[in-house]
């Protein structure tokens, strides 16, 4: 019976043999070991097995942080671990990085906490005091004390850009519809990309469409269908941050649906359906875009632009 217990414990813990004074002891030889030794061995297995960590990891190494956070390698061993929230941990920007690294309103970790605890920072119209709150794509970050509003967008290199917007534009945000379902008693509702659940939507709204959400009332004021000819921004993959118009939808049975997009300069590229976010009807976006308008330059064009800027500054 003891040997069977040892065998079960060893297999469950991934232990194949035990080192003794003479060498290794196989599980099949457990019947030749004293009961006291077996008891001590099982006790150690139980104690060390119960001391293992459980739950979510509470730390994040700086070298393992997302590259679009743009953290320097010599700034320390650790990076802020994003809290659980509406955006994925690899696709968000914690509030501490917005205030300390981007806006330069704080120099240290403690200064960020002091600012947030005074309730000076709002995300999508709600006060956020969590220093590692995960703000993401299309979120509106407002600081009433300085009369500033920012929308989180991507640049053509796939990095988050804090795009300054006016007060009128800060009152709404665009949300991509993940799914449309029916709940209890046949109540229709939709789920958005940022974890929102909205009941009784317009029956014409389907998955992959974009809704215009009023941040004060949390109600849908308008929506955009996912159709050919509408302007989109790519939110994933190697083309993240590029803006263009949908030219074609290529459906493949048993595989991913491919979307062909053409930017303002006439260059075409393709990406998956899940990486496309509708931002306007026709060629006119409903939100203002950062500098560059989502047009990705080639390596030669970037070099020419950089040389022209250097020549203008030296002249």
C-alpha atoms as a PDB file:
ATOM      1  CA  UNK A   1       0.000   0.000   0.000  1.00  0.00           C
ATOM      2  CA  UNK A   2       2.811   2.400   0.890  1.00  0.00           C
ATOM      3  CA  UNK A   3       4.638   1.555  -2.323  1.00  0.00           C
ATOM      4  CA  UNK A   4       1.478   2.253  -4.338  1.00  0.00           C
ATOM      5  CA  UNK A   5       1.115   5.626  -2.595  1.00  0.00           C
ATOM      6  CA  UNK A   6       4.729   6.487  -3.334  1.00  0.00           C
ATOM      7  CA  UNK A   7       4.287   5.497  -6.967  1.00  0.00           C
ATOM      8  CA  UNK A   8       1.158   7.644  -7.297  1.00  0.00           C
ATOM      9  CA  UNK A   9       2.809  10.652  -5.629  1.00  0.00           C
ATOM     10  CA  UNK A  10       5.945  10.275  -7.723  1.00  0.00           C
ATOM     11  CA  UNK A  11       4.042  10.104 -10.988  1.00  0.00           C
ATOM     12  CA  UNK A  12       1.848  13.077 -10.054  1.00  0.00           C
ATOM     13  CA  UNK A  13       4.887  15.166  -9.056  1.00  0.00           C
ATOM     14  CA  UNK A  14       6.958  14.079 -12.049  1.00  0.00           C
ATOM     15  CA  UNK A  15       9.504  12.158  -9.887  1.00  0.00           C
ATOM     16  CA  UNK A  16      10.986   9.006 -11.399  1.00  0.00           C
ATOM     17  CA  UNK A  17      13.600   8.045  -8.795  1.00  0.00           C
ATOM     18  CA  UNK A  18      14.940   9.011  -5.371  1.00  0.00           C
ATOM     19  CA  UNK A  19      18.633   9.537  -4.620  1.00  0.00           C
ATOM     20  CA  UNK A  20      19.854   7.572  -1.593  1.00  0.00           C
ATOM     21  CA  UNK A  21      23.259   7.114   0.014  1.00  0.00           C
ATOM     22  CA  UNK A  22      24.197   4.346  -2.408  1.00  0.00           C
ATOM     23  CA  UNK A  23      22.774   5.809  -5.652  1.00  0.00           C
ATOM     24  CA  UNK A  24      19.312   5.989  -7.193  1.00  0.00           C
ATOM     25  CA  UNK A  25      16.239   4.162  -5.995  1.00  0.00           C
ATOM     26  CA  UNK A  26      13.585   3.211  -8.524  1.00  0.00           C
ATOM     27  CA  UNK A  27       9.883   3.251  -7.772  1.00  0.00           C
ATOM     28  CA  UNK A  28       9.724  -0.489  -8.310  1.00  0.00           C
ATOM     29  CA  UNK A  29      12.205  -0.921  -5.409  1.00  0.00           C
ATOM     30  CA  UNK A  30      10.133   1.062  -2.879  1.00  0.00           C
ATOM     31  CA  UNK A  31       9.106  -2.122  -1.042  1.00  0.00           C
ATOM     32  CA  UNK A  32      12.730  -2.571   0.107  1.00  0.00           C
ATOM     33  CA  UNK A  33      12.871   0.866   1.807  1.00  0.00           C
ATOM     34  CA  UNK A  34      12.048   1.447   5.461  1.00  0.00           C
ATOM     35  CA  UNK A  35       8.595   2.912   6.211  1.00  0.00           C
ATOM     36  CA  UNK A  36      10.149   5.849   8.068  1.00  0.00           C
ATOM     37  CA  UNK A  37      12.119   6.870   4.967  1.00  0.00           C
ATOM     38  CA  UNK A  38       8.987   6.639   2.817  1.00  0.00           C
ATOM     39  CA  UNK A  39       7.056   8.748   5.307  1.00  0.00           C
ATOM     40  CA  UNK A  40       9.732  11.479   5.271  1.00  0.00           C
ATOM     41  CA  UNK A  41       9.855  11.441   1.496  1.00  0.00           C
ATOM     42  CA  UNK A  42       6.078  11.795   1.141  1.00  0.00           C
ATOM     43  CA  UNK A  43       6.074  14.576   3.731  1.00  0.00           C
ATOM     44  CA  UNK A  44       8.698  16.512   1.763  1.00  0.00           C
ATOM     45  CA  UNK A  45       6.720  16.078  -1.438  1.00  0.00           C
ATOM     46  CA  UNK A  46       3.593  17.446   0.235  1.00  0.00           C
ATOM     47  CA  UNK A  47       5.352  20.427   1.848  1.00  0.00           C
ATOM     48  CA  UNK A  48       7.322  21.554  -1.198  1.00  0.00           C
ATOM     49  CA  UNK A  49       4.379  20.923  -3.500  1.00  0.00           C
ATOM     50  CA  UNK A  50       2.112  23.144  -1.411  1.00  0.00           C
ATOM     51  CA  UNK A  51       4.657  25.993  -1.412  1.00  0.00           C
ATOM     52  CA  UNK A  52       4.457  26.503  -5.177  1.00  0.00           C
ATOM     53  CA  UNK A  53       2.957  29.790  -6.361  1.00  0.00           C
ATOM     54  CA  UNK A  54      -0.636  29.874  -7.518  1.00  0.00           C
ATOM     55  CA  UNK A  55      -2.649  32.363  -9.534  1.00  0.00           C
ATOM     56  CA  UNK A  56      -1.508  35.153 -11.809  1.00  0.00           C
ATOM     57  CA  UNK A  57       2.080  36.277 -11.905  1.00  0.00           C
ATOM     58  CA  UNK A  58       2.569  39.553 -10.056  1.00  0.00           C
ATOM     59  CA  UNK A  59       5.800  40.650 -11.736  1.00  0.00           C
ATOM     60  CA  UNK A  60       7.001  41.353 -15.262  1.00  0.00           C
ATOM     61  CA  UNK A  61      10.637  41.441 -16.291  1.00  0.00           C
ATOM     62  CA  UNK A  62      11.610  44.463 -18.351  1.00  0.00           C
ATOM     63  CA  UNK A  63      13.168  42.370 -21.103  1.00  0.00           C
ATOM     64  CA  UNK A  64       9.877  40.493 -21.447  1.00  0.00           C
ATOM     65  CA  UNK A  65       7.740  43.646 -21.652  1.00  0.00           C
ATOM     66  CA  UNK A  66       6.131  44.542 -25.009  1.00  0.00           C
ATOM     67  CA  UNK A  67       8.525  46.322 -27.343  1.00  0.00           C
ATOM     68  CA  UNK A  68       6.020  49.079 -28.136  1.00  0.00           C
ATOM     69  CA  UNK A  69       6.304  50.276 -24.509  1.00  0.00           C
ATOM     70  CA  UNK A  70       9.808  51.474 -25.479  1.00  0.00           C
ATOM     71  CA  UNK A  71      11.413  50.806 -22.095  1.00  0.00           C
ATOM     72  CA  UNK A  72      15.189  51.066 -21.874  1.00  0.00           C
ATOM     73  CA  UNK A  73      17.005  47.921 -20.808  1.00  0.00           C
ATOM     74  CA  UNK A  74      19.116  49.720 -18.205  1.00  0.00           C
ATOM     75  CA  UNK A  75      16.169  51.299 -16.374  1.00  0.00           C
ATOM     76  CA  UNK A  76      15.813  48.414 -13.951  1.00  0.00           C
ATOM     77  CA  UNK A  77      15.050  44.723 -13.838  1.00  0.00           C
ATOM     78  CA  UNK A  78      11.253  44.937 -13.786  1.00  0.00           C
ATOM     79  CA  UNK A  79       8.453  46.626 -15.724  1.00  0.00           C
ATOM     80  CA  UNK A  80       4.920  47.500 -14.532  1.00  0.00           C
ATOM     81  CA  UNK A  81       2.671  44.461 -14.681  1.00  0.00           C
ATOM     82  CA  UNK A  82      -0.700  45.494 -16.221  1.00  0.00           C
ATOM     83  CA  UNK A  83      -3.767  44.836 -14.115  1.00  0.00           C
ATOM     84  CA  UNK A  84      -6.685  42.787 -15.357  1.00  0.00           C
ATOM     85  CA  UNK A  85      -8.896  45.008 -17.457  1.00  0.00           C
ATOM     86  CA  UNK A  86     -10.548  45.663 -20.811  1.00  0.00           C
ATOM     87  CA  UNK A  87      -7.416  45.139 -22.919  1.00  0.00           C
ATOM     88  CA  UNK A  88      -4.879  42.343 -23.223  1.00  0.00           C
ATOM     89  CA  UNK A  89      -1.653  42.728 -21.288  1.00  0.00           C
ATOM     90  CA  UNK A  90       0.440  42.665 -24.478  1.00  0.00           C
ATOM     91  CA  UNK A  91      -1.843  45.154 -26.272  1.00  0.00           C
ATOM     92  CA  UNK A  92      -2.208  47.864 -23.634  1.00  0.00           C
ATOM     93  CA  UNK A  93      -0.330  50.775 -22.109  1.00  0.00           C
ATOM     94  CA  UNK A  94      -0.448  51.055 -18.279  1.00  0.00           C
ATOM     95  CA  UNK A  95      -1.291  54.454 -16.820  1.00  0.00           C
ATOM     96  CA  UNK A  96       2.095  54.702 -15.115  1.00  0.00           C
ATOM     97  CA  UNK A  97       3.827  54.642 -18.501  1.00  0.00           C
ATOM     98  CA  UNK A  98       1.464  57.312 -19.839  1.00  0.00           C
ATOM     99  CA  UNK A  99       2.105  59.739 -16.974  1.00  0.00           C
ATOM    100  CA  UNK A 100       5.787  59.009 -16.355  1.00  0.00           C
ATOM    101  CA  UNK A 101       7.293  57.953 -19.688  1.00  0.00           C
ATOM    102  CA  UNK A 102       5.083  59.665 -22.276  1.00  0.00           C
ATOM    103  CA  UNK A 103       3.627  62.844 -20.760  1.00  0.00           C
ATOM    104  CA  UNK A 104       6.507  63.382 -18.291  1.00  0.00           C
ATOM    105  CA  UNK A 105       4.104  64.558 -15.571  1.00  0.00           C
ATOM    106  CA  UNK A 106       5.908  62.379 -13.023  1.00  0.00           C
ATOM    107  CA  UNK A 107       9.501  61.385 -12.493  1.00  0.00           C
ATOM    108  CA  UNK A 108       9.076  58.389 -10.207  1.00  0.00           C
ATOM    109  CA  UNK A 109       6.687  55.593  -9.366  1.00  0.00           C
ATOM    110  CA  UNK A 110       5.511  57.327  -6.185  1.00  0.00           C
ATOM    111  CA  UNK A 111       4.717  60.566  -7.993  1.00  0.00           C
ATOM    112  CA  UNK A 112       2.425  58.670 -10.361  1.00  0.00           C
ATOM    113  CA  UNK A 113       0.563  57.175  -7.395  1.00  0.00           C
ATOM    114  CA  UNK A 114       0.186  60.647  -5.845  1.00  0.00           C
ATOM    115  CA  UNK A 115      -1.301  62.041  -9.076  1.00  0.00           C
ATOM    116  CA  UNK A 116      -3.733  59.164  -9.511  1.00  0.00           C
ATOM    117  CA  UNK A 117      -4.884  59.212  -5.883  1.00  0.00           C
ATOM    118  CA  UNK A 118      -5.895  62.845  -6.313  1.00  0.00           C
ATOM    119  CA  UNK A 119      -8.315  61.598  -9.015  1.00  0.00           C
ATOM    120  CA  UNK A 120      -6.835  63.746 -11.760  1.00  0.00           C
ATOM    121  CA  UNK A 121      -6.836  61.104 -14.532  1.00  0.00           C
ATOM    122  CA  UNK A 122      -9.910  59.804 -16.356  1.00  0.00           C
ATOM    123  CA  UNK A 123     -10.060  56.956 -18.866  1.00  0.00           C
ATOM    124  CA  UNK A 124     -13.197  56.862 -21.027  1.00  0.00           C
ATOM    125  CA  UNK A 125     -14.866  59.344 -18.689  1.00  0.00           C
ATOM    126  CA  UNK A 126     -14.234  57.376 -15.477  1.00  0.00           C
ATOM    127  CA  UNK A 127     -11.684  58.171 -12.782  1.00  0.00           C
ATOM    128  CA  UNK A 128      -8.940  55.559 -12.600  1.00  0.00           C
ATOM    129  CA  UNK A 129      -6.640  55.313  -9.587  1.00  0.00           C
ATOM    130  CA  UNK A 130      -4.936  52.032 -10.476  1.00  0.00           C
ATOM    131  CA  UNK A 131      -1.365  52.811 -11.526  1.00  0.00           C
ATOM    132  CA  UNK A 132      -1.217  49.768 -13.803  1.00  0.00           C
ATOM    133  CA  UNK A 133      -4.698  50.127 -15.317  1.00  0.00           C
ATOM    134  CA  UNK A 134      -4.489  48.823 -18.926  1.00  0.00           C
ATOM    135  CA  UNK A 135      -5.555  51.560 -21.317  1.00  0.00           C
ATOM    136  CA  UNK A 136      -5.657  50.467 -24.933  1.00  0.00           C
ATOM    137  CA  UNK A 137      -6.531  51.305 -28.517  1.00  0.00           C
ATOM    138  CA  UNK A 138      -9.191  54.045 -28.952  1.00  0.00           C
ATOM    139  CA  UNK A 139      -9.310  54.810 -25.206  1.00  0.00           C
ATOM    140  CA  UNK A 140      -9.725  58.477 -24.254  1.00  0.00           C
ATOM    141  CA  UNK A 141      -7.381  59.658 -21.488  1.00  0.00           C
ATOM    142  CA  UNK A 142      -8.488  62.974 -19.969  1.00  0.00           C
ATOM    143  CA  UNK A 143      -6.733  65.243 -17.458  1.00  0.00           C
ATOM    144  CA  UNK A 144      -9.208  68.007 -16.463  1.00  0.00           C
ATOM    145  CA  UNK A 145      -6.581  69.845 -14.400  1.00  0.00           C
ATOM    146  CA  UNK A 146      -4.615  70.679 -17.559  1.00  0.00           C
ATOM    147  CA  UNK A 147      -7.605  70.673 -19.964  1.00  0.00           C
ATOM    148  CA  UNK A 148      -5.993  67.922 -22.034  1.00  0.00           C
ATOM    149  CA  UNK A 149      -7.547  64.962 -23.832  1.00  0.00           C
ATOM    150  CA  UNK A 150      -5.678  62.181 -25.589  1.00  0.00           C
ATOM    151  CA  UNK A 151      -6.763  59.240 -27.698  1.00  0.00           C
ATOM    152  CA  UNK A 152      -4.582  56.149 -27.830  1.00  0.00           C
ATOM    153  CA  UNK A 153      -3.835  55.247 -31.444  1.00  0.00           C
ATOM    154  CA  UNK A 154      -1.086  53.368 -33.249  1.00  0.00           C
ATOM    155  CA  UNK A 155       1.635  54.868 -35.389  1.00  0.00           C
ATOM    156  CA  UNK A 156       2.870  53.104 -38.522  1.00  0.00           C
ATOM    157  CA  UNK A 157       5.577  51.327 -36.520  1.00  0.00           C
ATOM    158  CA  UNK A 158       3.022  49.625 -34.277  1.00  0.00           C
ATOM    159  CA  UNK A 159       3.642  51.783 -31.209  1.00  0.00           C
ATOM    160  CA  UNK A 160       1.033  53.573 -29.110  1.00  0.00           C
ATOM    161  CA  UNK A 161       0.701  57.276 -29.844  1.00  0.00           C
ATOM    162  CA  UNK A 162      -1.016  59.705 -27.450  1.00  0.00           C
ATOM    163  CA  UNK A 163      -2.927  61.786 -29.982  1.00  0.00           C
ATOM    164  CA  UNK A 164      -4.212  65.097 -28.592  1.00  0.00           C
ATOM    165  CA  UNK A 165      -7.909  65.707 -29.320  1.00  0.00           C
ATOM    166  CA  UNK A 166     -10.508  68.388 -28.610  1.00  0.00           C
ATOM    167  CA  UNK A 167     -13.215  68.266 -25.966  1.00  0.00           C
ATOM    168  CA  UNK A 168     -15.928  67.481 -28.542  1.00  0.00           C
ATOM    169  CA  UNK A 169     -14.073  64.419 -29.787  1.00  0.00           C
ATOM    170  CA  UNK A 170     -13.299  63.255 -26.246  1.00  0.00           C
ATOM    171  CA  UNK A 171     -17.014  62.673 -25.596  1.00  0.00           C
ATOM    172  CA  UNK A 172     -17.169  59.512 -27.727  1.00  0.00           C
ATOM    173  CA  UNK A 173     -15.107  56.516 -28.759  1.00  0.00           C
ATOM    174  CA  UNK A 174     -15.330  53.888 -31.467  1.00  0.00           C
ATOM    175  CA  UNK A 175     -15.758  50.252 -30.427  1.00  0.00           C
ATOM    176  CA  UNK A 176     -15.423  47.172 -32.592  1.00  0.00           C
ATOM    177  CA  UNK A 177     -18.206  44.610 -32.163  1.00  0.00           C
ATOM    178  CA  UNK A 178     -16.902  41.160 -31.275  1.00  0.00           C
ATOM    179  CA  UNK A 179     -20.197  39.273 -31.259  1.00  0.00           C
ATOM    180  CA  UNK A 180     -23.963  39.715 -31.165  1.00  0.00           C
ATOM    181  CA  UNK A 181     -25.890  37.220 -29.036  1.00  0.00           C
ATOM    182  CA  UNK A 182     -29.180  36.611 -27.264  1.00  0.00           C
ATOM    183  CA  UNK A 183     -29.406  36.322 -23.492  1.00  0.00           C
ATOM    184  CA  UNK A 184     -32.132  35.123 -21.166  1.00  0.00           C
ATOM    185  CA  UNK A 185     -35.697  35.758 -22.325  1.00  0.00           C
ATOM    186  CA  UNK A 186     -34.380  36.541 -25.802  1.00  0.00           C
ATOM    187  CA  UNK A 187     -32.731  39.842 -24.865  1.00  0.00           C
ATOM    188  CA  UNK A 188     -30.206  40.760 -27.587  1.00  0.00           C
ATOM    189  CA  UNK A 189     -26.819  42.151 -26.606  1.00  0.00           C
ATOM    190  CA  UNK A 190     -23.435  42.756 -28.166  1.00  0.00           C
ATOM    191  CA  UNK A 191     -19.866  42.458 -26.909  1.00  0.00           C
ATOM    192  CA  UNK A 192     -17.182  44.962 -27.865  1.00  0.00           C
ATOM    193  CA  UNK A 193     -13.414  44.688 -28.150  1.00  0.00           C
ATOM    194  CA  UNK A 194     -12.911  46.471 -24.801  1.00  0.00           C
ATOM    195  CA  UNK A 195     -15.123  44.180 -22.731  1.00  0.00           C
ATOM    196  CA  UNK A 196     -18.378  46.157 -22.851  1.00  0.00           C
ATOM    197  CA  UNK A 197     -21.784  44.494 -22.983  1.00  0.00           C
ATOM    198  CA  UNK A 198     -24.580  46.610 -24.467  1.00  0.00           C
ATOM    199  CA  UNK A 199     -28.177  45.390 -24.458  1.00  0.00           C
ATOM    200  CA  UNK A 200     -30.845  46.061 -27.065  1.00  0.00           C
ATOM    201  CA  UNK A 201     -28.576  47.195 -29.922  1.00  0.00           C
ATOM    202  CA  UNK A 202     -29.763  48.038 -33.406  1.00  0.00           C
ATOM    203  CA  UNK A 203     -30.722  44.795 -35.214  1.00  0.00           C
ATOM    204  CA  UNK A 204     -28.589  45.847 -38.195  1.00  0.00           C
ATOM    205  CA  UNK A 205     -25.380  45.782 -36.135  1.00  0.00           C
ATOM    206  CA  UNK A 206     -23.372  42.620 -36.754  1.00  0.00           C
ATOM    207  CA  UNK A 207     -19.972  41.260 -35.730  1.00  0.00           C
ATOM    208  CA  UNK A 208     -16.918  43.239 -36.955  1.00  0.00           C
ATOM    209  CA  UNK A 209     -18.995  46.424 -37.302  1.00  0.00           C
ATOM    210  CA  UNK A 210     -17.969  49.556 -35.409  1.00  0.00           C
ATOM    211  CA  UNK A 211     -20.251  51.473 -33.041  1.00  0.00           C
ATOM    212  CA  UNK A 212     -19.960  55.078 -31.944  1.00  0.00           C
ATOM    213  CA  UNK A 213     -20.375  55.099 -28.163  1.00  0.00           C
ATOM    214  CA  UNK A 214     -21.291  58.151 -26.092  1.00  0.00           C
ATOM    215  CA  UNK A 215     -19.038  58.000 -23.019  1.00  0.00           C
ATOM    216  CA  UNK A 216     -21.417  59.991 -20.815  1.00  0.00           C
ATOM    217  CA  UNK A 217     -24.562  57.930 -21.368  1.00  0.00           C
ATOM    218  CA  UNK A 218     -22.865  54.688 -22.561  1.00  0.00           C
ATOM    219  CA  UNK A 219     -25.340  54.502 -25.432  1.00  0.00           C
ATOM    220  CA  UNK A 220     -24.823  53.799 -29.116  1.00  0.00           C
ATOM    221  CA  UNK A 221     -25.311  56.939 -31.195  1.00  0.00           C
ATOM    222  CA  UNK A 222     -24.282  55.554 -34.607  1.00  0.00           C
ATOM    223  CA  UNK A 223     -22.568  52.600 -36.230  1.00  0.00           C
ATOM    224  CA  UNK A 224     -20.513  51.710 -39.306  1.00  0.00           C
ATOM    225  CA  UNK A 225     -20.966  48.517 -41.291  1.00  0.00           C
ATOM    226  CA  UNK A 226     -17.979  46.362 -42.174  1.00  0.00           C
ATOM    227  CA  UNK A 227     -18.209  46.896 -45.930  1.00  0.00           C
ATOM    228  CA  UNK A 228     -15.873  47.341 -48.862  1.00  0.00           C
ATOM    229  CA  UNK A 229     -14.995  51.006 -49.370  1.00  0.00           C
ATOM    230  CA  UNK A 230     -14.850  52.043 -45.705  1.00  0.00           C
ATOM    231  CA  UNK A 231     -11.677  53.369 -44.109  1.00  0.00           C
ATOM    232  CA  UNK A 232      -9.941  51.137 -41.561  1.00  0.00           C
ATOM    233  CA  UNK A 233      -6.943  51.088 -39.237  1.00  0.00           C
ATOM    234  CA  UNK A 234      -4.932  47.899 -38.788  1.00  0.00           C
ATOM    235  CA  UNK A 235      -4.569  46.979 -35.103  1.00  0.00           C
ATOM    236  CA  UNK A 236      -2.411  43.858 -35.351  1.00  0.00           C
ATOM    237  CA  UNK A 237       0.317  42.180 -37.326  1.00  0.00           C
ATOM    238  CA  UNK A 238       3.210  43.716 -39.229  1.00  0.00           C
ATOM    239  CA  UNK A 239       0.933  46.413 -40.738  1.00  0.00           C
ATOM    240  CA  UNK A 240      -0.287  47.716 -37.374  1.00  0.00           C
ATOM    241  CA  UNK A 241      -1.033  51.428 -37.487  1.00  0.00           C
ATOM    242  CA  UNK A 242      -1.590  51.671 -41.234  1.00  0.00           C
ATOM    243  CA  UNK A 243      -4.779  53.343 -42.483  1.00  0.00           C
ATOM    244  CA  UNK A 244      -6.518  52.568 -45.748  1.00  0.00           C
ATOM    245  CA  UNK A 245      -9.725  51.643 -47.539  1.00  0.00           C
ATOM    246  CA  UNK A 246     -11.024  48.084 -47.852  1.00  0.00           C
ATOM    247  CA  UNK A 247     -10.734  46.930 -51.450  1.00  0.00           C
ATOM    248  CA  UNK A 248     -11.603  43.260 -51.231  1.00  0.00           C
ATOM    249  CA  UNK A 249     -12.616  40.524 -48.786  1.00  0.00           C
ATOM    250  CA  UNK A 250     -11.117  37.139 -49.560  1.00  0.00           C
ATOM    251  CA  UNK A 251     -13.001  34.342 -47.834  1.00  0.00           C
ATOM    252  CA  UNK A 252     -11.306  30.977 -47.543  1.00  0.00           C
ATOM    253  CA  UNK A 253     -13.166  27.965 -46.257  1.00  0.00           C
ATOM    254  CA  UNK A 254     -11.539  26.533 -43.151  1.00  0.00           C
ATOM    255  CA  UNK A 255      -9.020  29.361 -42.851  1.00  0.00           C
ATOM    256  CA  UNK A 256      -8.720  33.033 -41.961  1.00  0.00           C
ATOM    257  CA  UNK A 257     -10.571  35.660 -43.958  1.00  0.00           C
ATOM    258  CA  UNK A 258      -8.117  37.991 -45.684  1.00  0.00           C
ATOM    259  CA  UNK A 259      -8.797  41.712 -46.093  1.00  0.00           C
ATOM    260  CA  UNK A 260      -7.063  43.675 -48.856  1.00  0.00           C
ATOM    261  CA  UNK A 261      -6.511  47.347 -47.979  1.00  0.00           C
ATOM    262  CA  UNK A 262      -5.257  50.274 -50.068  1.00  0.00           C
ATOM    263  CA  UNK A 263      -3.727  53.333 -48.389  1.00  0.00           C
ATOM    264  CA  UNK A 264      -3.844  56.959 -49.557  1.00  0.00           C
ATOM    265  CA  UNK A 265      -0.658  56.598 -51.641  1.00  0.00           C
ATOM    266  CA  UNK A 266      -2.042  53.656 -53.612  1.00  0.00           C
ATOM    267  CA  UNK A 267      -0.041  50.894 -51.924  1.00  0.00           C
ATOM    268  CA  UNK A 268      -1.990  47.730 -51.235  1.00  0.00           C
ATOM    269  CA  UNK A 269      -1.452  45.235 -48.430  1.00  0.00           C
ATOM    270  CA  UNK A 270      -3.355  42.330 -46.913  1.00  0.00           C
ATOM    271  CA  UNK A 271      -4.099  41.339 -43.335  1.00  0.00           C
ATOM    272  CA  UNK A 272      -6.437  39.134 -41.341  1.00  0.00           C
ATOM    273  CA  UNK A 273     -10.017  40.045 -40.567  1.00  0.00           C
ATOM    274  CA  UNK A 274      -9.328  40.174 -36.822  1.00  0.00           C
ATOM    275  CA  UNK A 275      -6.670  42.868 -37.314  1.00  0.00           C
ATOM    276  CA  UNK A 276      -8.989  45.355 -39.073  1.00  0.00           C
ATOM    277  CA  UNK A 277     -10.841  48.129 -37.210  1.00  0.00           C
ATOM    278  CA  UNK A 278     -13.369  50.285 -39.102  1.00  0.00           C
ATOM    279  CA  UNK A 279     -12.850  53.968 -38.228  1.00  0.00           C
ATOM    280  CA  UNK A 280     -15.116  55.764 -40.711  1.00  0.00           C
ATOM    281  CA  UNK A 281     -17.555  55.666 -43.604  1.00  0.00           C
ATOM    282  CA  UNK A 282     -16.071  55.994 -47.057  1.00  0.00           C
ATOM    283  CA  UNK A 283     -12.667  57.628 -46.999  1.00  0.00           C
ATOM    284  CA  UNK A 284     -13.443  60.015 -44.132  1.00  0.00           C
ATOM    285  CA  UNK A 285     -12.520  58.766 -40.622  1.00  0.00           C
ATOM    286  CA  UNK A 286     -14.727  59.667 -37.658  1.00  0.00           C
ATOM    287  CA  UNK A 287     -11.701  60.337 -35.434  1.00  0.00           C
ATOM    288  CA  UNK A 288      -8.709  62.559 -36.087  1.00  0.00           C
ATOM    289  CA  UNK A 289      -5.522  60.709 -36.970  1.00  0.00           C
ATOM    290  CA  UNK A 290      -1.982  61.418 -35.726  1.00  0.00           C
ATOM    291  CA  UNK A 291       0.737  62.948 -37.850  1.00  0.00           C
ATOM    292  CA  UNK A 292       1.385  60.872 -40.952  1.00  0.00           C
ATOM    293  CA  UNK A 293      -2.279  59.845 -41.361  1.00  0.00           C
ATOM    294  CA  UNK A 294      -1.386  56.158 -41.131  1.00  0.00           C
ATOM    295  CA  UNK A 295       0.765  56.141 -44.285  1.00  0.00           C
ATOM    296  CA  UNK A 296       3.791  53.890 -43.899  1.00  0.00           C
ATOM    297  CA  UNK A 297       6.937  55.158 -45.603  1.00  0.00           C
ATOM    298  CA  UNK A 298       9.544  52.920 -47.172  1.00  0.00           C
ATOM    299  CA  UNK A 299      13.108  52.803 -45.846  1.00  0.00           C
ATOM    300  CA  UNK A 300      14.323  55.133 -48.618  1.00  0.00           C
ATOM    301  CA  UNK A 301      11.487  57.607 -48.027  1.00  0.00           C
ATOM    302  CA  UNK A 302      12.216  57.656 -44.289  1.00  0.00           C
ATOM    303  CA  UNK A 303      15.915  58.323 -44.961  1.00  0.00           C
ATOM    304  CA  UNK A 304      15.087  61.163 -47.353  1.00  0.00           C
ATOM    305  CA  UNK A 305      12.671  62.692 -44.860  1.00  0.00           C
ATOM    306  CA  UNK A 306      15.266  62.456 -42.084  1.00  0.00           C
ATOM    307  CA  UNK A 307      17.979  64.095 -44.235  1.00  0.00           C
ATOM    308  CA  UNK A 308      15.599  66.883 -45.243  1.00  0.00           C
ATOM    309  CA  UNK A 309      14.768  67.552 -41.584  1.00  0.00           C
ATOM    310  CA  UNK A 310      18.472  67.679 -40.692  1.00  0.00           C
ATOM    311  CA  UNK A 311      19.189  70.075 -43.546  1.00  0.00           C
ATOM    312  CA  UNK A 312      16.307  72.334 -42.513  1.00  0.00           C
ATOM    313  CA  UNK A 313      17.456  72.419 -38.888  1.00  0.00           C
ATOM    314  CA  UNK A 314      21.075  73.205 -39.771  1.00  0.00           C
ATOM    315  CA  UNK A 315      20.142  75.950 -42.257  1.00  0.00           C
END
